[in-house]
């Protein structure tokens, strides 16, 4: 099995913020779920036309980058009320919008299309 190694093509170290799921009620007061943070290495590329076409039209006008990483990332899921993973890169905040996981034994990796949310 060959595993994707970002150090061959260049990488950045990112701190991923993963929101918690399933808040609870204590004495009738909603308690926000506790999130986690973790470090990953990823090769970061600008999005090309094909990547942009995978996004809803509203998101295409925003700054979009693509991460290639051996770590699985999670996009948001409105029906499950799951917020997406987020991270800061070059002074901007991005959220993971769409993910493709490749686990075929050759260059196993995750490709994540990420949209800038703030400066």
PDB file of N, CA and C in Angstrom:
ATOM      1  N   UNK A   1       0.833  -1.163   0.000  1.00  0.00           N
ATOM      2  CA  UNK A   1       0.000   0.000   0.000  1.00  0.00           C
ATOM      3  C   UNK A   1       0.889   1.241   0.000  1.00  0.00           C
ATOM      4  N   UNK A   2       0.607   2.164  -0.893  1.00  0.00           N
ATOM      5  CA  UNK A   2       1.336   3.426  -0.953  1.00  0.00           C
ATOM      6  C   UNK A   2       0.482   4.497  -0.315  1.00  0.00           C
ATOM      7  N   UNK A   3       1.052   5.267   0.548  1.00  0.00           N
ATOM      8  CA  UNK A   3       0.317   6.331   1.223  1.00  0.00           C
ATOM      9  C   UNK A   3       0.816   7.665   0.699  1.00  0.00           C
ATOM     10  N   UNK A   4      -0.116   8.573   0.464  1.00  0.00           N
ATOM     11  CA  UNK A   4       0.208   9.922   0.012  1.00  0.00           C
ATOM     12  C   UNK A   4       1.119  10.584   1.033  1.00  0.00           C
ATOM     13  N   UNK A   5       2.256  11.081   0.579  1.00  0.00           N
ATOM     14  CA  UNK A   5       3.197  11.756   1.468  1.00  0.00           C
ATOM     15  C   UNK A   5       3.420  13.180   0.976  1.00  0.00           C
ATOM     16  N   UNK A   6       2.804  14.159   1.643  1.00  0.00           N
ATOM     17  CA  UNK A   6       2.916  15.540   1.195  1.00  0.00           C
ATOM     18  C   UNK A   6       4.327  16.085   1.180  1.00  0.00           C
ATOM     19  N   UNK A   7       5.260  15.491   1.950  1.00  0.00           N
ATOM     20  CA  UNK A   7       6.615  16.033   1.994  1.00  0.00           C
ATOM     21  C   UNK A   7       7.336  15.893   0.662  1.00  0.00           C
ATOM     22  N   UNK A   8       6.861  15.019  -0.211  1.00  0.00           N
ATOM     23  CA  UNK A   8       7.475  14.860  -1.533  1.00  0.00           C
ATOM     24  C   UNK A   8       7.131  16.051  -2.424  1.00  0.00           C
ATOM     25  N   UNK A   9       5.917  16.589  -2.293  1.00  0.00           N
ATOM     26  CA  UNK A   9       5.473  17.673  -3.173  1.00  0.00           C
ATOM     27  C   UNK A   9       5.370  19.020  -2.470  1.00  0.00           C
ATOM     28  N   UNK A  10       5.711  19.083  -1.208  1.00  0.00           N
ATOM     29  CA  UNK A  10       5.600  20.316  -0.435  1.00  0.00           C
ATOM     30  C   UNK A  10       4.314  20.297   0.379  1.00  0.00           C
ATOM     31  N   UNK A  11       4.375  20.885   1.560  1.00  0.00           N
ATOM     32  CA  UNK A  11       3.200  20.839   2.417  1.00  0.00           C
ATOM     33  C   UNK A  11       3.176  22.017   3.378  1.00  0.00           C
ATOM     34  N   UNK A  12       2.023  22.195   3.972  1.00  0.00           N
ATOM     35  CA  UNK A  12       1.840  23.171   5.044  1.00  0.00           C
ATOM     36  C   UNK A  12       1.258  22.426   6.234  1.00  0.00           C
ATOM     37  N   UNK A  13       1.607  22.869   7.420  1.00  0.00           N
ATOM     38  CA  UNK A  13       1.005  22.306   8.621  1.00  0.00           C
ATOM     39  C   UNK A  13      -0.179  23.185   8.997  1.00  0.00           C
ATOM     40  N   UNK A  14      -1.327  22.559   9.187  1.00  0.00           N
ATOM     41  CA  UNK A  14      -2.556  23.277   9.494  1.00  0.00           C
ATOM     42  C   UNK A  14      -3.163  22.752  10.784  1.00  0.00           C
ATOM     43  N   UNK A  15      -3.825  23.644  11.511  1.00  0.00           N
ATOM     44  CA  UNK A  15      -4.582  23.242  12.688  1.00  0.00           C
ATOM     45  C   UNK A  15      -6.049  23.205  12.281  1.00  0.00           C
ATOM     46  N   UNK A  16      -6.626  22.019  12.339  1.00  0.00           N
ATOM     47  CA  UNK A  16      -8.022  21.823  11.952  1.00  0.00           C
ATOM     48  C   UNK A  16      -8.894  21.961  13.198  1.00  0.00           C
ATOM     49  N   UNK A  17      -9.974  22.719  13.061  1.00  0.00           N
ATOM     50  CA  UNK A  17     -10.961  22.874  14.129  1.00  0.00           C
ATOM     51  C   UNK A  17     -12.181  22.053  13.741  1.00  0.00           C
ATOM     52  N   UNK A  18     -12.468  21.017  14.519  1.00  0.00           N
ATOM     53  CA  UNK A  18     -13.627  20.162  14.234  1.00  0.00           C
ATOM     54  C   UNK A  18     -14.685  20.432  15.302  1.00  0.00           C
ATOM     55  N   UNK A  19     -15.830  21.003  14.879  1.00  0.00           N
ATOM     56  CA  UNK A  19     -16.901  21.277  15.838  1.00  0.00           C
ATOM     57  C   UNK A  19     -17.443  19.982  16.444  1.00  0.00           C
ATOM     58  N   UNK A  20     -17.902  20.075  17.661  1.00  0.00           N
ATOM     59  CA  UNK A  20     -18.517  18.917  18.301  1.00  0.00           C
ATOM     60  C   UNK A  20     -19.892  18.644  17.716  1.00  0.00           C
ATOM     61  N   UNK A  21     -20.434  17.488  18.003  1.00  0.00           N
ATOM     62  CA  UNK A  21     -21.762  17.129  17.529  1.00  0.00           C
ATOM     63  C   UNK A  21     -22.674  16.853  18.703  1.00  0.00           C
ATOM     64  N   UNK A  22     -23.943  17.092  18.487  1.00  0.00           N
ATOM     65  CA  UNK A  22     -24.952  16.714  19.465  1.00  0.00           C
ATOM     66  C   UNK A  22     -24.841  17.404  20.803  1.00  0.00           C
ATOM     67  N   UNK A  23     -25.193  18.664  20.860  1.00  0.00           N
ATOM     68  CA  UNK A  23     -25.225  19.359  22.139  1.00  0.00           C
ATOM     69  C   UNK A  23     -26.261  18.725  23.068  1.00  0.00           C
ATOM     70  N   UNK A  24     -26.241  19.136  24.306  1.00  0.00           N
ATOM     71  CA  UNK A  24     -27.168  18.568  25.285  1.00  0.00           C
ATOM     72  C   UNK A  24     -27.874  19.682  26.037  1.00  0.00           C
ATOM     73  N   UNK A  25     -28.922  19.299  26.731  1.00  0.00           N
ATOM     74  CA  UNK A  25     -29.633  20.235  27.594  1.00  0.00           C
ATOM     75  C   UNK A  25     -29.366  19.861  29.041  1.00  0.00           C
ATOM     76  N   UNK A  26     -29.004  20.842  29.832  1.00  0.00           N
ATOM     77  CA  UNK A  26     -28.808  20.641  31.259  1.00  0.00           C
ATOM     78  C   UNK A  26     -29.668  21.664  31.992  1.00  0.00           C
ATOM     79  N   UNK A  27     -30.633  21.177  32.741  1.00  0.00           N
ATOM     80  CA  UNK A  27     -31.572  22.038  33.459  1.00  0.00           C
ATOM     81  C   UNK A  27     -32.264  23.020  32.518  1.00  0.00           C
ATOM     82  N   UNK A  28     -32.587  22.537  31.311  1.00  0.00           N
ATOM     83  CA  UNK A  28     -33.302  23.350  30.330  1.00  0.00           C
ATOM     84  C   UNK A  28     -32.445  24.334  29.571  1.00  0.00           C
ATOM     85  N   UNK A  29     -31.140  24.322  29.794  1.00  0.00           N
ATOM     86  CA  UNK A  29     -30.231  25.245  29.094  1.00  0.00           C
ATOM     87  C   UNK A  29     -29.387  24.435  28.125  1.00  0.00           C
ATOM     88  N   UNK A  30     -29.366  24.895  26.866  1.00  0.00           N
ATOM     89  CA  UNK A  30     -28.620  24.172  25.837  1.00  0.00           C
ATOM     90  C   UNK A  30     -27.122  24.351  26.047  1.00  0.00           C
ATOM     91  N   UNK A  31     -26.406  23.252  26.042  1.00  0.00           N
ATOM     92  CA  UNK A  31     -24.950  23.255  26.187  1.00  0.00           C
ATOM     93  C   UNK A  31     -24.319  22.946  24.831  1.00  0.00           C
ATOM     94  N   UNK A  32     -23.515  23.855  24.320  1.00  0.00           N
ATOM     95  CA  UNK A  32     -22.846  23.652  23.037  1.00  0.00           C
ATOM     96  C   UNK A  32     -21.944  22.422  23.113  1.00  0.00           C
ATOM     97  N   UNK A  33     -21.885  21.639  22.024  1.00  0.00           N
ATOM     98  CA  UNK A  33     -20.966  20.500  22.025  1.00  0.00           C
ATOM     99  C   UNK A  33     -19.516  20.988  22.005  1.00  0.00           C
ATOM    100  N   UNK A  34     -18.641  20.210  22.598  1.00  0.00           N
ATOM    101  CA  UNK A  34     -17.231  20.579  22.670  1.00  0.00           C
ATOM    102  C   UNK A  34     -16.538  20.083  21.397  1.00  0.00           C
ATOM    103  N   UNK A  35     -15.827  20.973  20.734  1.00  0.00           N
ATOM    104  CA  UNK A  35     -15.100  20.614  19.527  1.00  0.00           C
ATOM    105  C   UNK A  35     -13.677  20.166  19.850  1.00  0.00           C
ATOM    106  N   UNK A  36     -12.968  19.761  18.808  1.00  0.00           N
ATOM    107  CA  UNK A  36     -11.582  19.345  18.965  1.00  0.00           C
ATOM    108  C   UNK A  36     -10.715  20.059  17.934  1.00  0.00           C
ATOM    109  N   UNK A  37      -9.426  20.103  18.198  1.00  0.00           N
ATOM    110  CA  UNK A  37      -8.473  20.617  17.221  1.00  0.00           C
ATOM    111  C   UNK A  37      -7.374  19.573  17.059  1.00  0.00           C
ATOM    112  N   UNK A  38      -6.828  19.507  15.849  1.00  0.00           N
ATOM    113  CA  UNK A  38      -5.731  18.590  15.586  1.00  0.00           C
ATOM    114  C   UNK A  38      -4.893  19.119  14.425  1.00  0.00           C
ATOM    115  N   UNK A  39      -3.665  18.666  14.360  1.00  0.00           N
ATOM    116  CA  UNK A  39      -2.715  19.102  13.335  1.00  0.00           C
ATOM    117  C   UNK A  39      -2.730  18.130  12.156  1.00  0.00           C
ATOM    118  N   UNK A  40      -2.614  18.683  10.954  1.00  0.00           N
ATOM    119  CA  UNK A  40      -2.446  17.861   9.757  1.00  0.00           C
ATOM    120  C   UNK A  40      -1.351  18.476   8.893  1.00  0.00           C
ATOM    121  N   UNK A  41      -0.855  17.698   7.949  1.00  0.00           N
ATOM    122  CA  UNK A  41      -0.008  18.227   6.886  1.00  0.00           C
ATOM    123  C   UNK A  41      -0.797  18.074   5.596  1.00  0.00           C
ATOM    124  N   UNK A  42      -0.698  19.074   4.734  1.00  0.00           N
ATOM    125  CA  UNK A  42      -1.463  19.049   3.490  1.00  0.00           C
ATOM    126  C   UNK A  42      -0.725  19.810   2.407  1.00  0.00           C
ATOM    127  N   UNK A  43      -0.876  19.333   1.193  1.00  0.00           N
ATOM    128  CA  UNK A  43      -0.436  20.070   0.022  1.00  0.00           C
ATOM    129  C   UNK A  43      -1.611  20.955  -0.365  1.00  0.00           C
ATOM    130  N   UNK A  44      -1.361  22.249  -0.557  1.00  0.00           N
ATOM    131  CA  UNK A  44      -2.432  23.206  -0.838  1.00  0.00           C
ATOM    132  C   UNK A  44      -2.267  23.732  -2.256  1.00  0.00           C
ATOM    133  N   UNK A  45      -3.345  23.643  -3.039  1.00  0.00           N
ATOM    134  CA  UNK A  45      -3.331  24.080  -4.428  1.00  0.00           C
ATOM    135  C   UNK A  45      -4.509  25.017  -4.680  1.00  0.00           C
ATOM    136  N   UNK A  46      -4.371  25.940  -5.640  1.00  0.00           N
ATOM    137  CA  UNK A  46      -5.539  26.740  -6.016  1.00  0.00           C
ATOM    138  C   UNK A  46      -6.551  25.841  -6.734  1.00  0.00           C
ATOM    139  N   UNK A  47      -7.812  26.180  -6.614  1.00  0.00           N
ATOM    140  CA  UNK A  47      -8.852  25.396  -7.276  1.00  0.00           C
ATOM    141  C   UNK A  47      -8.834  25.675  -8.771  1.00  0.00           C
ATOM    142  N   UNK A  48      -9.048  24.637  -9.561  1.00  0.00           N
ATOM    143  CA  UNK A  48      -9.155  24.823 -11.004  1.00  0.00           C
ATOM    144  C   UNK A  48     -10.636  24.835 -11.394  1.00  0.00           C
ATOM    145  N   UNK A  49     -10.903  24.955 -12.685  1.00  0.00           N
ATOM    146  CA  UNK A  49     -12.275  25.055 -13.178  1.00  0.00           C
ATOM    147  C   UNK A  49     -13.111  23.838 -12.777  1.00  0.00           C
ATOM    148  N   UNK A  50     -12.544  22.648 -12.862  1.00  0.00           N
ATOM    149  CA  UNK A  50     -13.279  21.431 -12.482  1.00  0.00           C
ATOM    150  C   UNK A  50     -13.677  21.457 -11.009  1.00  0.00           C
ATOM    151  N   UNK A  51     -12.772  21.913 -10.165  1.00  0.00           N
ATOM    152  CA  UNK A  51     -13.078  22.009  -8.740  1.00  0.00           C
ATOM    153  C   UNK A  51     -14.224  22.985  -8.489  1.00  0.00           C
ATOM    154  N   UNK A  52     -14.181  24.124  -9.158  1.00  0.00           N
ATOM    155  CA  UNK A  52     -15.233  25.126  -8.980  1.00  0.00           C
ATOM    156  C   UNK A  52     -16.588  24.605  -9.431  1.00  0.00           C
ATOM    157  N   UNK A  53     -16.628  23.807 -10.483  1.00  0.00           N
ATOM    158  CA  UNK A  53     -17.887  23.266 -10.988  1.00  0.00           C
ATOM    159  C   UNK A  53     -18.514  22.262 -10.018  1.00  0.00           C
ATOM    160  N   UNK A  54     -17.749  21.753  -9.065  1.00  0.00           N
ATOM    161  CA  UNK A  54     -18.271  20.824  -8.048  1.00  0.00           C
ATOM    162  C   UNK A  54     -19.006  21.558  -6.940  1.00  0.00           C
ATOM    163  N   UNK A  55     -18.897  22.887  -6.923  1.00  0.00           N
ATOM    164  CA  UNK A  55     -19.505  23.699  -5.870  1.00  0.00           C
ATOM    165  C   UNK A  55     -20.812  24.311  -6.351  1.00  0.00           C
ATOM    166  N   UNK A  56     -21.715  24.652  -5.406  1.00  0.00           N
ATOM    167  CA  UNK A  56     -22.913  25.401  -5.793  1.00  0.00           C
ATOM    168  C   UNK A  56     -22.501  26.754  -6.369  1.00  0.00           C
ATOM    169  N   UNK A  57     -23.329  27.293  -7.226  1.00  0.00           N
ATOM    170  CA  UNK A  57     -22.989  28.529  -7.936  1.00  0.00           C
ATOM    171  C   UNK A  57     -22.629  29.670  -6.983  1.00  0.00           C
ATOM    172  N   UNK A  58     -23.308  29.785  -5.867  1.00  0.00           N
ATOM    173  CA  UNK A  58     -23.044  30.854  -4.908  1.00  0.00           C
ATOM    174  C   UNK A  58     -21.623  30.805  -4.363  1.00  0.00           C
ATOM    175  N   UNK A  59     -21.067  29.621  -4.195  1.00  0.00           N
ATOM    176  CA  UNK A  59     -19.735  29.463  -3.618  1.00  0.00           C
ATOM    177  C   UNK A  59     -18.608  29.690  -4.628  1.00  0.00           C
ATOM    178  N   UNK A  60     -18.908  29.661  -5.905  1.00  0.00           N
ATOM    179  CA  UNK A  60     -17.869  29.752  -6.941  1.00  0.00           C
ATOM    180  C   UNK A  60     -17.191  31.107  -7.010  1.00  0.00           C
ATOM    181  N   UNK A  61     -17.836  32.149  -6.509  1.00  0.00           N
ATOM    182  CA  UNK A  61     -17.241  33.488  -6.576  1.00  0.00           C
ATOM    183  C   UNK A  61     -16.289  33.754  -5.409  1.00  0.00           C
ATOM    184  N   UNK A  62     -16.241  32.835  -4.455  1.00  0.00           N
ATOM    185  CA  UNK A  62     -15.357  32.993  -3.301  1.00  0.00           C
ATOM    186  C   UNK A  62     -13.989  32.407  -3.610  1.00  0.00           C
ATOM    187  N   UNK A  63     -13.017  32.706  -2.758  1.00  0.00           N
ATOM    188  CA  UNK A  63     -11.690  32.119  -2.928  1.00  0.00           C
ATOM    189  C   UNK A  63     -11.763  30.650  -2.526  1.00  0.00           C
ATOM    190  N   UNK A  64     -11.286  29.784  -3.410  1.00  0.00           N
ATOM    191  CA  UNK A  64     -11.376  28.340  -3.187  1.00  0.00           C
ATOM    192  C   UNK A  64      -9.988  27.721  -3.333  1.00  0.00           C
ATOM    193  N   UNK A  65      -9.628  26.857  -2.383  1.00  0.00           N
ATOM    194  CA  UNK A  65      -8.376  26.115  -2.463  1.00  0.00           C
ATOM    195  C   UNK A  65      -8.685  24.629  -2.306  1.00  0.00           C
ATOM    196  N   UNK A  66      -7.720  23.801  -2.693  1.00  0.00           N
ATOM    197  CA  UNK A  66      -7.884  22.355  -2.577  1.00  0.00           C
ATOM    198  C   UNK A  66      -6.743  21.811  -1.722  1.00  0.00           C
ATOM    199  N   UNK A  67      -7.104  20.999  -0.727  1.00  0.00           N
ATOM    200  CA  UNK A  67      -6.111  20.350   0.131  1.00  0.00           C
ATOM    201  C   UNK A  67      -5.984  18.889  -0.274  1.00  0.00           C
ATOM    202  N   UNK A  68      -4.758  18.407  -0.302  1.00  0.00           N
ATOM    203  CA  UNK A  68      -4.481  16.981  -0.484  1.00  0.00           C
ATOM    204  C   UNK A  68      -3.757  16.541   0.782  1.00  0.00           C
ATOM    205  N   UNK A  69      -4.350  15.617   1.510  1.00  0.00           N
ATOM    206  CA  UNK A  69      -3.816  15.221   2.811  1.00  0.00           C
ATOM    207  C   UNK A  69      -4.117  13.756   3.097  1.00  0.00           C
ATOM    208  N   UNK A  70      -3.286  13.097   3.884  1.00  0.00           N
ATOM    209  CA  UNK A  70      -3.596  11.719   4.269  1.00  0.00           C
ATOM    210  C   UNK A  70      -4.672  11.639   5.355  1.00  0.00           C
ATOM    211  N   UNK A  71      -5.064  12.767   5.927  1.00  0.00           N
ATOM    212  CA  UNK A  71      -6.044  12.810   7.010  1.00  0.00           C
ATOM    213  C   UNK A  71      -7.448  13.054   6.455  1.00  0.00           C
ATOM    214  N   UNK A  72      -8.428  12.303   6.938  1.00  0.00           N
ATOM    215  CA  UNK A  72      -9.802  12.529   6.499  1.00  0.00           C
ATOM    216  C   UNK A  72     -10.348  13.789   7.149  1.00  0.00           C
ATOM    217  N   UNK A  73     -10.951  14.651   6.337  1.00  0.00           N
ATOM    218  CA  UNK A  73     -11.582  15.872   6.814  1.00  0.00           C
ATOM    219  C   UNK A  73     -13.085  15.744   6.623  1.00  0.00           C
ATOM    220  N   UNK A  74     -13.848  16.566   7.339  1.00  0.00           N
ATOM    221  CA  UNK A  74     -15.305  16.458   7.295  1.00  0.00           C
ATOM    222  C   UNK A  74     -15.939  17.759   6.817  1.00  0.00           C
ATOM    223  N   UNK A  75     -16.773  17.662   5.774  1.00  0.00           N
ATOM    224  CA  UNK A  75     -17.545  18.828   5.350  1.00  0.00           C
ATOM    225  C   UNK A  75     -18.769  18.968   6.254  1.00  0.00           C
ATOM    226  N   UNK A  76     -19.479  20.063   6.114  1.00  0.00           N
ATOM    227  CA  UNK A  76     -20.702  20.243   6.880  1.00  0.00           C
ATOM    228  C   UNK A  76     -21.815  19.366   6.328  1.00  0.00           C
ATOM    229  N   UNK A  77     -22.826  19.133   7.153  1.00  0.00           N
ATOM    230  CA  UNK A  77     -23.984  18.353   6.754  1.00  0.00           C
ATOM    231  C   UNK A  77     -25.196  18.977   7.437  1.00  0.00           C
ATOM    232  N   UNK A  78     -25.987  19.729   6.656  1.00  0.00           N
ATOM    233  CA  UNK A  78     -27.106  20.454   7.252  1.00  0.00           C
ATOM    234  C   UNK A  78     -28.147  19.524   7.851  1.00  0.00           C
ATOM    235  N   UNK A  79     -28.448  18.414   7.174  1.00  0.00           N
ATOM    236  CA  UNK A  79     -29.489  17.523   7.683  1.00  0.00           C
ATOM    237  C   UNK A  79     -29.077  16.879   9.009  1.00  0.00           C
ATOM    238  N   UNK A  80     -27.780  16.644   9.195  1.00  0.00           N
ATOM    239  CA  UNK A  80     -27.285  16.075  10.456  1.00  0.00           C
ATOM    240  C   UNK A  80     -26.863  17.170  11.439  1.00  0.00           C
ATOM    241  N   UNK A  81     -27.048  18.436  11.043  1.00  0.00           N
ATOM    242  CA  UNK A  81     -26.666  19.588  11.871  1.00  0.00           C
ATOM    243  C   UNK A  81     -25.192  19.533  12.269  1.00  0.00           C
ATOM    244  N   UNK A  82     -24.359  19.087  11.332  1.00  0.00           N
ATOM    245  CA  UNK A  82     -22.910  19.001  11.560  1.00  0.00           C
ATOM    246  C   UNK A  82     -22.230  20.165  10.846  1.00  0.00           C
ATOM    247  N   UNK A  83     -21.481  20.949  11.587  1.00  0.00           N
ATOM    248  CA  UNK A  83     -20.729  22.054  10.993  1.00  0.00           C
ATOM    249  C   UNK A  83     -19.442  21.495  10.390  1.00  0.00           C
ATOM    250  N   UNK A  84     -18.897  22.182   9.364  1.00  0.00           N
ATOM    251  CA  UNK A  84     -17.686  21.673   8.707  1.00  0.00           C
ATOM    252  C   UNK A  84     -16.422  21.934   9.512  1.00  0.00           C
ATOM    253  N   UNK A  85     -15.384  21.161   9.185  1.00  0.00           N
ATOM    254  CA  UNK A  85     -14.050  21.443   9.710  1.00  0.00           C
ATOM    255  C   UNK A  85     -13.611  22.796   9.169  1.00  0.00           C
ATOM    256  N   UNK A  86     -12.870  23.555   9.976  1.00  0.00           N
ATOM    257  CA  UNK A  86     -12.350  24.851   9.542  1.00  0.00           C
ATOM    258  C   UNK A  86     -10.870  24.939   9.885  1.00  0.00           C
ATOM    259  N   UNK A  87     -10.173  25.870   9.230  1.00  0.00           N
ATOM    260  CA  UNK A  87      -8.756  26.099   9.509  1.00  0.00           C
ATOM    261  C   UNK A  87      -8.372  27.485   9.025  1.00  0.00           C
ATOM    262  N   UNK A  88      -7.268  27.991   9.542  1.00  0.00           N
ATOM    263  CA  UNK A  88      -6.722  29.275   9.111  1.00  0.00           C
ATOM    264  C   UNK A  88      -5.507  29.017   8.237  1.00  0.00           C
ATOM    265  N   UNK A  89      -5.422  29.788   7.146  1.00  0.00           N
ATOM    266  CA  UNK A  89      -4.282  29.673   6.239  1.00  0.00           C
ATOM    267  C   UNK A  89      -4.008  31.054   5.657  1.00  0.00           C
ATOM    268  N   UNK A  90      -2.796  31.535   5.828  1.00  0.00           N
ATOM    269  CA  UNK A  90      -2.355  32.844   5.337  1.00  0.00           C
ATOM    270  C   UNK A  90      -3.294  33.966   5.771  1.00  0.00           C
ATOM    271  N   UNK A  91      -3.716  33.919   7.026  1.00  0.00           N
ATOM    272  CA  UNK A  91      -4.545  34.980   7.577  1.00  0.00           C
ATOM    273  C   UNK A  91      -6.020  34.901   7.235  1.00  0.00           C
ATOM    274  N   UNK A  92      -6.447  33.876   6.531  1.00  0.00           N
ATOM    275  CA  UNK A  92      -7.849  33.706   6.174  1.00  0.00           C
ATOM    276  C   UNK A  92      -8.391  32.426   6.798  1.00  0.00           C
ATOM    277  N   UNK A  93      -9.696  32.402   7.040  1.00  0.00           N
ATOM    278  CA  UNK A  93     -10.351  31.210   7.560  1.00  0.00           C
ATOM    279  C   UNK A  93     -11.064  30.499   6.414  1.00  0.00           C
ATOM    280  N   UNK A  94     -10.872  29.187   6.352  1.00  0.00           N
ATOM    281  CA  UNK A  94     -11.495  28.361   5.312  1.00  0.00           C
ATOM    282  C   UNK A  94     -12.335  27.281   5.974  1.00  0.00           C
ATOM    283  N   UNK A  95     -13.385  26.849   5.262  1.00  0.00           N
ATOM    284  CA  UNK A  95     -14.153  25.712   5.730  1.00  0.00           C
ATOM    285  C   UNK A  95     -14.135  24.628   4.662  1.00  0.00           C
ATOM    286  N   UNK A  96     -14.120  23.400   5.124  1.00  0.00           N
ATOM    287  CA  UNK A  96     -14.118  22.254   4.224  1.00  0.00           C
ATOM    288  C   UNK A  96     -15.520  22.137   3.639  1.00  0.00           C
ATOM    289  N   UNK A  97     -15.613  22.202   2.312  1.00  0.00           N
ATOM    290  CA  UNK A  97     -16.924  22.221   1.668  1.00  0.00           C
ATOM    291  C   UNK A  97     -17.276  20.882   1.027  1.00  0.00           C
ATOM    292  N   UNK A  98     -16.315  20.263   0.372  1.00  0.00           N
ATOM    293  CA  UNK A  98     -16.563  19.004  -0.327  1.00  0.00           C
ATOM    294  C   UNK A  98     -15.333  18.126  -0.181  1.00  0.00           C
ATOM    295  N   UNK A  99     -15.545  16.833   0.036  1.00  0.00           N
ATOM    296  CA  UNK A  99     -14.444  15.911   0.289  1.00  0.00           C
ATOM    297  C   UNK A  99     -14.567  14.678  -0.595  1.00  0.00           C
ATOM    298  N   UNK A 100     -13.427  14.241  -1.122  1.00  0.00           N
ATOM    299  CA  UNK A 100     -13.344  12.958  -1.830  1.00  0.00           C
ATOM    300  C   UNK A 100     -12.215  12.170  -1.170  1.00  0.00           C
ATOM    301  N   UNK A 101     -12.529  10.951  -0.753  1.00  0.00           N
ATOM    302  CA  UNK A 101     -11.552  10.101  -0.074  1.00  0.00           C
ATOM    303  C   UNK A 101     -11.129   9.003  -1.035  1.00  0.00           C
ATOM    304  N   UNK A 102      -9.824   8.865  -1.235  1.00  0.00           N
ATOM    305  CA  UNK A 102      -9.275   7.846  -2.133  1.00  0.00           C
ATOM    306  C   UNK A 102      -8.497   6.825  -1.308  1.00  0.00           C
ATOM    307  N   UNK A 103      -9.021   5.621  -1.213  1.00  0.00           N
ATOM    308  CA  UNK A 103      -8.393   4.540  -0.449  1.00  0.00           C
ATOM    309  C   UNK A 103      -8.322   3.292  -1.322  1.00  0.00           C
ATOM    310  N   UNK A 104      -7.475   3.340  -2.333  1.00  0.00           N
ATOM    311  CA  UNK A 104      -7.332   2.214  -3.254  1.00  0.00           C
ATOM    312  C   UNK A 104      -5.980   1.527  -3.129  1.00  0.00           C
ATOM    313  N   UNK A 105      -5.174   1.938  -2.166  1.00  0.00           N
ATOM    314  CA  UNK A 105      -3.870   1.326  -1.980  1.00  0.00           C
ATOM    315  C   UNK A 105      -2.748   2.017  -2.725  1.00  0.00           C
ATOM    316  N   UNK A 106      -3.097   2.933  -3.619  1.00  0.00           N
ATOM    317  CA  UNK A 106      -2.092   3.703  -4.358  1.00  0.00           C
ATOM    318  C   UNK A 106      -2.345   5.173  -4.058  1.00  0.00           C
ATOM    319  N   UNK A 107      -1.402   5.797  -3.400  1.00  0.00           N
ATOM    320  CA  UNK A 107      -1.522   7.204  -3.013  1.00  0.00           C
ATOM    321  C   UNK A 107      -2.814   7.492  -2.259  1.00  0.00           C
ATOM    322  N   UNK A 108      -3.097   6.721  -1.223  1.00  0.00           N
ATOM    323  CA  UNK A 108      -4.280   6.956  -0.401  1.00  0.00           C
ATOM    324  C   UNK A 108      -4.251   8.393   0.121  1.00  0.00           C
ATOM    325  N   UNK A 109      -5.359   9.115  -0.067  1.00  0.00           N
ATOM    326  CA  UNK A 109      -5.411  10.495   0.398  1.00  0.00           C
ATOM    327  C   UNK A 109      -6.847  11.013   0.399  1.00  0.00           C
ATOM    328  N   UNK A 110      -6.996  12.189   0.971  1.00  0.00           N
ATOM    329  CA  UNK A 110      -8.256  12.914   0.950  1.00  0.00           C
ATOM    330  C   UNK A 110      -8.043  14.193   0.162  1.00  0.00           C
ATOM    331  N   UNK A 111      -8.973  14.474  -0.738  1.00  0.00           N
ATOM    332  CA  UNK A 111      -8.968  15.730  -1.484  1.00  0.00           C
ATOM    333  C   UNK A 111     -10.133  16.561  -0.954  1.00  0.00           C
ATOM    334  N   UNK A 112      -9.843  17.725  -0.407  1.00  0.00           N
ATOM    335  CA  UNK A 112     -10.875  18.561   0.201  1.00  0.00           C
ATOM    336  C   UNK A 112     -10.934  19.901  -0.494  1.00  0.00           C
ATOM    337  N   UNK A 113     -12.097  20.249  -1.011  1.00  0.00           N
ATOM    338  CA  UNK A 113     -12.316  21.568  -1.596  1.00  0.00           C
ATOM    339  C   UNK A 113     -12.765  22.487  -0.470  1.00  0.00           C
ATOM    340  N   UNK A 114     -12.026  23.590  -0.285  1.00  0.00           N
ATOM    341  CA  UNK A 114     -12.251  24.470   0.866  1.00  0.00           C
ATOM    342  C   UNK A 114     -12.546  25.884   0.389  1.00  0.00           C
ATOM    343  N   UNK A 115     -13.511  26.526   1.036  1.00  0.00           N
ATOM    344  CA  UNK A 115     -13.961  27.856   0.648  1.00  0.00           C
ATOM    345  C   UNK A 115     -13.612  28.845   1.748  1.00  0.00           C
ATOM    346  N   UNK A 116     -13.056  29.994   1.345  1.00  0.00           N
ATOM    347  CA  UNK A 116     -12.715  31.024   2.327  1.00  0.00           C
ATOM    348  C   UNK A 116     -13.996  31.630   2.897  1.00  0.00           C
ATOM    349  N   UNK A 117     -14.036  31.753   4.218  1.00  0.00           N
ATOM    350  CA  UNK A 117     -15.214  32.303   4.871  1.00  0.00           C
ATOM    351  C   UNK A 117     -14.978  33.697   5.448  1.00  0.00           C
ATOM    352  N   UNK A 118     -13.710  34.037   5.752  1.00  0.00           N
ATOM    353  CA  UNK A 118     -13.428  35.364   6.311  1.00  0.00           C
ATOM    354  C   UNK A 118     -11.962  35.715   6.084  1.00  0.00           C
ATOM    355  N   UNK A 119     -11.668  37.003   6.312  1.00  0.00           N
ATOM    356  CA  UNK A 119     -10.289  37.466   6.162  1.00  0.00           C
ATOM    357  C   UNK A 119      -9.621  37.555   7.494  1.00  0.00           C
TER     358      UNK A 119
END
